[in-house]
Amino acid sequence: MRLKPHIYALAAIAHQRRRLFQRTATAELFIATLFRYRDAGRFQLHAFVVMPDHVHILLTPAPEVAIERCAQLIKGGFSFAVRKDFSGEIWQDGYHAHRVVDEEDLRNQTFYILNNPAKKRLDSYPWVSSSTPYAQRMDTPPTI
Protein backbone atom coordinates (compact mmCIF):
# COMPACT_ATOMS: atom_id res chain seq x y z
CA MET A 1 0.00 0.00 0.00
CA ARG A 2 1.31 3.43 -0.98
CA LEU A 3 1.48 6.10 1.69
CA LYS A 4 1.50 8.98 -0.79
CA PRO A 5 -0.95 8.90 -3.69
CA HIS A 6 0.43 8.91 -7.22
CA ILE A 7 -1.37 10.54 -10.13
CA TYR A 8 -1.07 8.91 -13.54
CA ALA A 9 -1.86 9.95 -17.09
CA LEU A 10 -3.01 6.77 -18.78
CA ALA A 11 -3.43 6.32 -22.55
CA ALA A 12 -4.86 3.32 -24.39
CA ILE A 13 -5.39 2.83 -28.11
CA ALA A 14 -8.12 0.89 -29.90
CA HIS A 15 -6.93 -2.17 -31.83
CA GLN A 16 -5.43 -1.12 -35.19
CA ARG A 17 -6.59 2.43 -34.39
CA ARG A 18 -10.16 1.38 -35.17
CA ARG A 19 -12.46 4.37 -34.70
CA LEU A 20 -14.38 2.44 -32.10
CA PHE A 21 -15.40 5.42 -29.98
CA GLN A 22 -16.80 7.40 -32.89
CA ARG A 23 -20.24 5.97 -32.11
CA THR A 24 -22.00 7.87 -29.31
CA ALA A 25 -23.22 4.69 -27.61
CA THR A 26 -19.71 3.22 -27.52
CA ALA A 27 -18.09 6.40 -26.17
CA GLU A 28 -20.78 6.67 -23.50
CA LEU A 29 -20.32 3.00 -22.56
CA PHE A 30 -16.61 3.62 -22.06
CA ILE A 31 -17.33 6.66 -19.89
CA ALA A 32 -19.86 4.64 -17.86
CA THR A 33 -17.13 2.03 -17.32
CA LEU A 34 -14.77 4.73 -16.02
CA PHE A 35 -17.36 6.04 -13.59
CA ARG A 36 -18.34 2.53 -12.45
CA TYR A 37 -14.79 1.83 -11.23
CA ARG A 38 -14.35 5.35 -9.93
CA ASP A 39 -17.60 5.12 -7.95
CA ALA A 40 -16.49 1.71 -6.61
CA GLY A 41 -13.44 3.44 -5.12
CA ARG A 42 -10.81 1.85 -7.37
CA PHE A 43 -9.41 5.24 -8.35
CA GLN A 44 -10.10 8.96 -8.31
CA LEU A 45 -10.86 10.39 -11.73
CA HIS A 46 -9.43 13.84 -12.51
CA ALA A 47 -9.77 14.20 -16.30
CA PHE A 48 -10.44 12.14 -19.40
CA VAL A 49 -11.09 12.33 -23.10
CA VAL A 50 -12.51 9.60 -25.31
CA MET A 51 -11.18 10.22 -28.80
CA PRO A 52 -12.44 8.26 -31.83
CA ASP A 53 -9.58 5.73 -31.65
CA HIS A 54 -7.95 6.18 -28.22
CA VAL A 55 -8.50 7.40 -24.67
CA HIS A 56 -6.58 9.55 -22.19
CA ILE A 57 -7.33 9.37 -18.47
CA LEU A 58 -5.86 11.25 -15.52
CA LEU A 59 -6.40 9.25 -12.33
CA THR A 60 -5.11 8.44 -8.88
CA PRO A 61 -5.35 4.75 -7.96
CA ALA A 62 -6.78 3.88 -4.54
CA PRO A 63 -3.96 3.11 -2.05
CA GLU A 64 -4.35 -0.66 -2.44
CA VAL A 65 -4.71 -0.58 -6.25
CA ALA A 66 -1.74 -0.50 -8.63
CA ILE A 67 -1.86 1.46 -11.88
CA GLU A 68 -1.61 -1.85 -13.73
CA ARG A 69 -4.81 -3.00 -12.07
CA CYS A 70 -6.56 0.27 -12.96
CA ALA A 71 -5.62 -0.22 -16.62
CA GLN A 72 -6.83 -3.82 -16.46
CA LEU A 73 -10.16 -2.81 -14.92
CA ILE A 74 -10.77 -0.02 -17.43
CA LYS A 75 -9.74 -1.89 -20.56
CA GLY A 76 -11.12 -5.26 -19.46
CA GLY A 77 -14.34 -3.83 -18.05
CA PHE A 78 -15.05 -1.96 -21.25
CA SER A 79 -14.11 -4.94 -23.44
CA PHE A 80 -16.55 -7.14 -21.56
CA ALA A 81 -19.33 -4.53 -21.75
CA VAL A 82 -18.92 -3.83 -25.47
CA ARG A 83 -18.46 -7.47 -26.55
CA LYS A 84 -22.10 -7.89 -27.63
CA ASP A 85 -21.70 -5.02 -30.14
CA PHE A 86 -18.19 -5.69 -31.46
CA SER A 87 -16.30 -8.83 -32.34
CA GLY A 88 -12.54 -9.16 -32.45
CA GLU A 89 -9.91 -7.27 -30.55
CA ILE A 90 -10.91 -4.06 -28.79
CA TRP A 91 -7.56 -2.70 -27.60
CA GLN A 92 -3.97 -2.68 -28.76
CA ASP A 93 -1.76 -4.59 -26.34
CA GLY A 94 -0.57 -2.58 -23.39
CA TYR A 95 -1.08 1.04 -22.47
CA HIS A 96 1.04 4.03 -21.61
CA ALA A 97 1.11 5.24 -18.00
CA HIS A 98 3.01 8.38 -17.05
CA ARG A 99 3.40 9.12 -13.35
CA VAL A 100 2.84 12.83 -12.72
CA VAL A 101 5.87 14.20 -10.92
CA ASP A 102 4.91 17.73 -9.87
CA GLU A 103 2.27 20.45 -10.15
CA GLU A 104 3.58 21.71 -13.49
CA ASP A 105 3.44 18.18 -14.92
CA LEU A 106 -0.13 17.87 -13.59
CA ARG A 107 -1.13 21.11 -15.36
CA ASN A 108 0.55 19.96 -18.57
CA GLN A 109 -1.12 16.53 -18.51
CA THR A 110 -4.53 18.04 -17.76
CA PHE A 111 -4.12 20.60 -20.53
CA TYR A 112 -3.08 17.90 -23.00
CA ILE A 113 -6.10 15.72 -22.17
CA LEU A 114 -8.67 18.50 -22.22
CA ASN A 115 -7.31 20.01 -25.43
CA ASN A 116 -6.85 16.78 -27.37
CA PRO A 117 -10.11 17.24 -29.31
CA ALA A 118 -9.16 20.78 -30.40
CA LYS A 119 -5.78 19.49 -31.55
CA LYS A 120 -7.64 17.11 -33.86
CA ARG A 121 -10.08 19.85 -34.95
CA LEU A 122 -13.04 18.24 -33.20
CA ASP A 123 -15.05 21.30 -32.18
CA SER A 124 -17.70 21.03 -29.45
CA TYR A 125 -16.44 17.56 -28.60
CA PRO A 126 -18.78 15.95 -26.04
CA TRP A 127 -16.65 13.10 -24.58
CA VAL A 128 -14.23 15.10 -22.50
CA SER A 129 -14.33 15.51 -18.73
CA SER A 130 -14.80 19.28 -18.98
CA SER A 131 -18.17 18.76 -20.73
CA THR A 132 -21.29 19.62 -18.74
CA PRO A 133 -22.42 16.06 -17.91
CA TYR A 134 -19.01 15.15 -16.42
CA ALA A 135 -17.27 18.27 -15.09
CA GLN A 136 -18.98 18.20 -11.69
CA ARG A 137 -18.11 14.53 -11.21
CA MET A 138 -14.33 14.95 -11.47
CA ASP A 139 -12.22 14.42 -8.36
CA THR A 140 -9.76 17.08 -7.24
CA PRO A 141 -6.21 15.72 -7.63
CA PRO A 142 -4.27 15.11 -4.42
CA THR A 143 -1.35 17.37 -3.53
CA ILE A 144 1.83 16.22 -5.17
C-alpha atoms as a PDB file:
ATOM      1  CA  MET A   1       0.000   0.000   0.000  1.00  0.00           C
ATOM      2  CA  ARG A   2       1.314   3.431  -0.978  1.00  0.00           C
ATOM      3  CA  LEU A   3       1.479   6.098   1.692  1.00  0.00           C
ATOM      4  CA  LYS A   4       1.504   8.984  -0.785  1.00  0.00           C
ATOM      5  CA  PRO A   5      -0.953   8.904  -3.689  1.00  0.00           C
ATOM      6  CA  HIS A   6       0.434   8.911  -7.221  1.00  0.00           C
ATOM      7  CA  ILE A   7      -1.374  10.545 -10.126  1.00  0.00           C
ATOM      8  CA  TYR A   8      -1.074   8.911 -13.540  1.00  0.00           C
ATOM      9  CA  ALA A   9      -1.856   9.955 -17.090  1.00  0.00           C
ATOM     10  CA  LEU A  10      -3.013   6.766 -18.784  1.00  0.00           C
ATOM     11  CA  ALA A  11      -3.433   6.322 -22.551  1.00  0.00           C
ATOM     12  CA  ALA A  12      -4.856   3.321 -24.389  1.00  0.00           C
ATOM     13  CA  ILE A  13      -5.394   2.829 -28.115  1.00  0.00           C
ATOM     14  CA  ALA A  14      -8.118   0.888 -29.904  1.00  0.00           C
ATOM     15  CA  HIS A  15      -6.927  -2.172 -31.829  1.00  0.00           C
ATOM     16  CA  GLN A  16      -5.434  -1.121 -35.186  1.00  0.00           C
ATOM     17  CA  ARG A  17      -6.586   2.425 -34.395  1.00  0.00           C
ATOM     18  CA  ARG A  18     -10.157   1.378 -35.167  1.00  0.00           C
ATOM     19  CA  ARG A  19     -12.463   4.368 -34.698  1.00  0.00           C
ATOM     20  CA  LEU A  20     -14.377   2.437 -32.097  1.00  0.00           C
ATOM     21  CA  PHE A  21     -15.398   5.420 -29.980  1.00  0.00           C
ATOM     22  CA  GLN A  22     -16.799   7.404 -32.894  1.00  0.00           C
ATOM     23  CA  ARG A  23     -20.244   5.971 -32.114  1.00  0.00           C
ATOM     24  CA  THR A  24     -21.997   7.866 -29.310  1.00  0.00           C
ATOM     25  CA  ALA A  25     -23.223   4.692 -27.614  1.00  0.00           C
ATOM     26  CA  THR A  26     -19.707   3.222 -27.523  1.00  0.00           C
ATOM     27  CA  ALA A  27     -18.091   6.401 -26.168  1.00  0.00           C
ATOM     28  CA  GLU A  28     -20.776   6.670 -23.498  1.00  0.00           C
ATOM     29  CA  LEU A  29     -20.325   3.005 -22.562  1.00  0.00           C
ATOM     30  CA  PHE A  30     -16.612   3.623 -22.063  1.00  0.00           C
ATOM     31  CA  ILE A  31     -17.328   6.659 -19.885  1.00  0.00           C
ATOM     32  CA  ALA A  32     -19.862   4.636 -17.864  1.00  0.00           C
ATOM     33  CA  THR A  33     -17.134   2.028 -17.320  1.00  0.00           C
ATOM     34  CA  LEU A  34     -14.774   4.730 -16.021  1.00  0.00           C
ATOM     35  CA  PHE A  35     -17.363   6.036 -13.589  1.00  0.00           C
ATOM     36  CA  ARG A  36     -18.340   2.533 -12.446  1.00  0.00           C
ATOM     37  CA  TYR A  37     -14.790   1.828 -11.225  1.00  0.00           C
ATOM     38  CA  ARG A  38     -14.351   5.347  -9.925  1.00  0.00           C
ATOM     39  CA  ASP A  39     -17.604   5.121  -7.947  1.00  0.00           C
ATOM     40  CA  ALA A  40     -16.494   1.712  -6.610  1.00  0.00           C
ATOM     41  CA  GLY A  41     -13.440   3.444  -5.121  1.00  0.00           C
ATOM     42  CA  ARG A  42     -10.811   1.849  -7.370  1.00  0.00           C
ATOM     43  CA  PHE A  43      -9.412   5.244  -8.348  1.00  0.00           C
ATOM     44  CA  GLN A  44     -10.096   8.962  -8.307  1.00  0.00           C
ATOM     45  CA  LEU A  45     -10.863  10.394 -11.733  1.00  0.00           C
ATOM     46  CA  HIS A  46      -9.427  13.838 -12.508  1.00  0.00           C
ATOM     47  CA  ALA A  47      -9.773  14.201 -16.303  1.00  0.00           C
ATOM     48  CA  PHE A  48     -10.442  12.143 -19.399  1.00  0.00           C
ATOM     49  CA  VAL A  49     -11.089  12.334 -23.102  1.00  0.00           C
ATOM     50  CA  VAL A  50     -12.505   9.605 -25.310  1.00  0.00           C
ATOM     51  CA  MET A  51     -11.176  10.222 -28.805  1.00  0.00           C
ATOM     52  CA  PRO A  52     -12.438   8.259 -31.830  1.00  0.00           C
ATOM     53  CA  ASP A  53      -9.576   5.725 -31.646  1.00  0.00           C
ATOM     54  CA  HIS A  54      -7.952   6.180 -28.222  1.00  0.00           C
ATOM     55  CA  VAL A  55      -8.502   7.405 -24.669  1.00  0.00           C
ATOM     56  CA  HIS A  56      -6.578   9.545 -22.191  1.00  0.00           C
ATOM     57  CA  ILE A  57      -7.329   9.369 -18.474  1.00  0.00           C
ATOM     58  CA  LEU A  58      -5.863  11.248 -15.518  1.00  0.00           C
ATOM     59  CA  LEU A  59      -6.397   9.251 -12.331  1.00  0.00           C
ATOM     60  CA  THR A  60      -5.111   8.439  -8.876  1.00  0.00           C
ATOM     61  CA  PRO A  61      -5.351   4.749  -7.958  1.00  0.00           C
ATOM     62  CA  ALA A  62      -6.776   3.876  -4.541  1.00  0.00           C
ATOM     63  CA  PRO A  63      -3.962   3.112  -2.048  1.00  0.00           C
ATOM     64  CA  GLU A  64      -4.349  -0.660  -2.438  1.00  0.00           C
ATOM     65  CA  VAL A  65      -4.711  -0.576  -6.249  1.00  0.00           C
ATOM     66  CA  ALA A  66      -1.736  -0.502  -8.635  1.00  0.00           C
ATOM     67  CA  ILE A  67      -1.861   1.460 -11.882  1.00  0.00           C
ATOM     68  CA  GLU A  68      -1.611  -1.853 -13.732  1.00  0.00           C
ATOM     69  CA  ARG A  69      -4.813  -3.002 -12.065  1.00  0.00           C
ATOM     70  CA  CYS A  70      -6.563   0.274 -12.961  1.00  0.00           C
ATOM     71  CA  ALA A  71      -5.621  -0.217 -16.618  1.00  0.00           C
ATOM     72  CA  GLN A  72      -6.831  -3.824 -16.462  1.00  0.00           C
ATOM     73  CA  LEU A  73     -10.161  -2.808 -14.916  1.00  0.00           C
ATOM     74  CA  ILE A  74     -10.768  -0.019 -17.428  1.00  0.00           C
ATOM     75  CA  LYS A  75      -9.738  -1.888 -20.564  1.00  0.00           C
ATOM     76  CA  GLY A  76     -11.121  -5.257 -19.462  1.00  0.00           C
ATOM     77  CA  GLY A  77     -14.336  -3.834 -18.052  1.00  0.00           C
ATOM     78  CA  PHE A  78     -15.053  -1.964 -21.248  1.00  0.00           C
ATOM     79  CA  SER A  79     -14.108  -4.938 -23.445  1.00  0.00           C
ATOM     80  CA  PHE A  80     -16.550  -7.137 -21.560  1.00  0.00           C
ATOM     81  CA  ALA A  81     -19.326  -4.530 -21.747  1.00  0.00           C
ATOM     82  CA  VAL A  82     -18.917  -3.827 -25.472  1.00  0.00           C
ATOM     83  CA  ARG A  83     -18.461  -7.470 -26.548  1.00  0.00           C
ATOM     84  CA  LYS A  84     -22.097  -7.886 -27.632  1.00  0.00           C
ATOM     85  CA  ASP A  85     -21.704  -5.018 -30.140  1.00  0.00           C
ATOM     86  CA  PHE A  86     -18.187  -5.690 -31.455  1.00  0.00           C
ATOM     87  CA  SER A  87     -16.301  -8.827 -32.340  1.00  0.00           C
ATOM     88  CA  GLY A  88     -12.542  -9.161 -32.448  1.00  0.00           C
ATOM     89  CA  GLU A  89      -9.915  -7.268 -30.548  1.00  0.00           C
ATOM     90  CA  ILE A  90     -10.910  -4.063 -28.791  1.00  0.00           C
ATOM     91  CA  TRP A  91      -7.559  -2.698 -27.598  1.00  0.00           C
ATOM     92  CA  GLN A  92      -3.969  -2.685 -28.758  1.00  0.00           C
ATOM     93  CA  ASP A  93      -1.756  -4.587 -26.341  1.00  0.00           C
ATOM     94  CA  GLY A  94      -0.575  -2.578 -23.389  1.00  0.00           C
ATOM     95  CA  TYR A  95      -1.084   1.039 -22.472  1.00  0.00           C
ATOM     96  CA  HIS A  96       1.044   4.028 -21.608  1.00  0.00           C
ATOM     97  CA  ALA A  97       1.107   5.236 -18.003  1.00  0.00           C
ATOM     98  CA  HIS A  98       3.008   8.375 -17.048  1.00  0.00           C
ATOM     99  CA  ARG A  99       3.396   9.122 -13.345  1.00  0.00           C
ATOM    100  CA  VAL A 100       2.839  12.827 -12.720  1.00  0.00           C
ATOM    101  CA  VAL A 101       5.875  14.199 -10.917  1.00  0.00           C
ATOM    102  CA  ASP A 102       4.914  17.734  -9.873  1.00  0.00           C
ATOM    103  CA  GLU A 103       2.271  20.452 -10.153  1.00  0.00           C
ATOM    104  CA  GLU A 104       3.581  21.706 -13.495  1.00  0.00           C
ATOM    105  CA  ASP A 105       3.445  18.183 -14.917  1.00  0.00           C
ATOM    106  CA  LEU A 106      -0.125  17.869 -13.595  1.00  0.00           C
ATOM    107  CA  ARG A 107      -1.129  21.108 -15.359  1.00  0.00           C
ATOM    108  CA  ASN A 108       0.550  19.957 -18.573  1.00  0.00           C
ATOM    109  CA  GLN A 109      -1.120  16.527 -18.511  1.00  0.00           C
ATOM    110  CA  THR A 110      -4.525  18.038 -17.756  1.00  0.00           C
ATOM    111  CA  PHE A 111      -4.124  20.604 -20.534  1.00  0.00           C
ATOM    112  CA  TYR A 112      -3.077  17.903 -23.000  1.00  0.00           C
ATOM    113  CA  ILE A 113      -6.096  15.719 -22.173  1.00  0.00           C
ATOM    114  CA  LEU A 114      -8.675  18.498 -22.216  1.00  0.00           C
ATOM    115  CA  ASN A 115      -7.310  20.014 -25.431  1.00  0.00           C
ATOM    116  CA  ASN A 116      -6.846  16.778 -27.366  1.00  0.00           C
ATOM    117  CA  PRO A 117     -10.115  17.243 -29.310  1.00  0.00           C
ATOM    118  CA  ALA A 118      -9.157  20.783 -30.397  1.00  0.00           C
ATOM    119  CA  LYS A 119      -5.775  19.494 -31.553  1.00  0.00           C
ATOM    120  CA  LYS A 120      -7.644  17.107 -33.862  1.00  0.00           C
ATOM    121  CA  ARG A 121     -10.082  19.851 -34.949  1.00  0.00           C
ATOM    122  CA  LEU A 122     -13.044  18.240 -33.196  1.00  0.00           C
ATOM    123  CA  ASP A 123     -15.050  21.299 -32.179  1.00  0.00           C
ATOM    124  CA  SER A 124     -17.701  21.031 -29.448  1.00  0.00           C
ATOM    125  CA  TYR A 125     -16.443  17.559 -28.604  1.00  0.00           C
ATOM    126  CA  PRO A 126     -18.779  15.950 -26.038  1.00  0.00           C
ATOM    127  CA  TRP A 127     -16.651  13.105 -24.581  1.00  0.00           C
ATOM    128  CA  VAL A 128     -14.232  15.099 -22.503  1.00  0.00           C
ATOM    129  CA  SER A 129     -14.332  15.505 -18.735  1.00  0.00           C
ATOM    130  CA  SER A 130     -14.801  19.276 -18.985  1.00  0.00           C
ATOM    131  CA  SER A 131     -18.172  18.761 -20.729  1.00  0.00           C
ATOM    132  CA  THR A 132     -21.290  19.615 -18.738  1.00  0.00           C
ATOM    133  CA  PRO A 133     -22.415  16.057 -17.913  1.00  0.00           C
ATOM    134  CA  TYR A 134     -19.014  15.152 -16.424  1.00  0.00           C
ATOM    135  CA  ALA A 135     -17.271  18.269 -15.093  1.00  0.00           C
ATOM    136  CA  GLN A 136     -18.979  18.204 -11.695  1.00  0.00           C
ATOM    137  CA  ARG A 137     -18.107  14.527 -11.211  1.00  0.00           C
ATOM    138  CA  MET A 138     -14.328  14.947 -11.470  1.00  0.00           C
ATOM    139  CA  ASP A 139     -12.215  14.424  -8.358  1.00  0.00           C
ATOM    140  CA  THR A 140      -9.756  17.079  -7.242  1.00  0.00           C
ATOM    141  CA  PRO A 141      -6.208  15.724  -7.629  1.00  0.00           C
ATOM    142  CA  PRO A 142      -4.274  15.113  -4.421  1.00  0.00           C
ATOM    143  CA  THR A 143      -1.351  17.370  -3.533  1.00  0.00           C
ATOM    144  CA  ILE A 144       1.828  16.219  -5.172  1.00  0.00           C
END
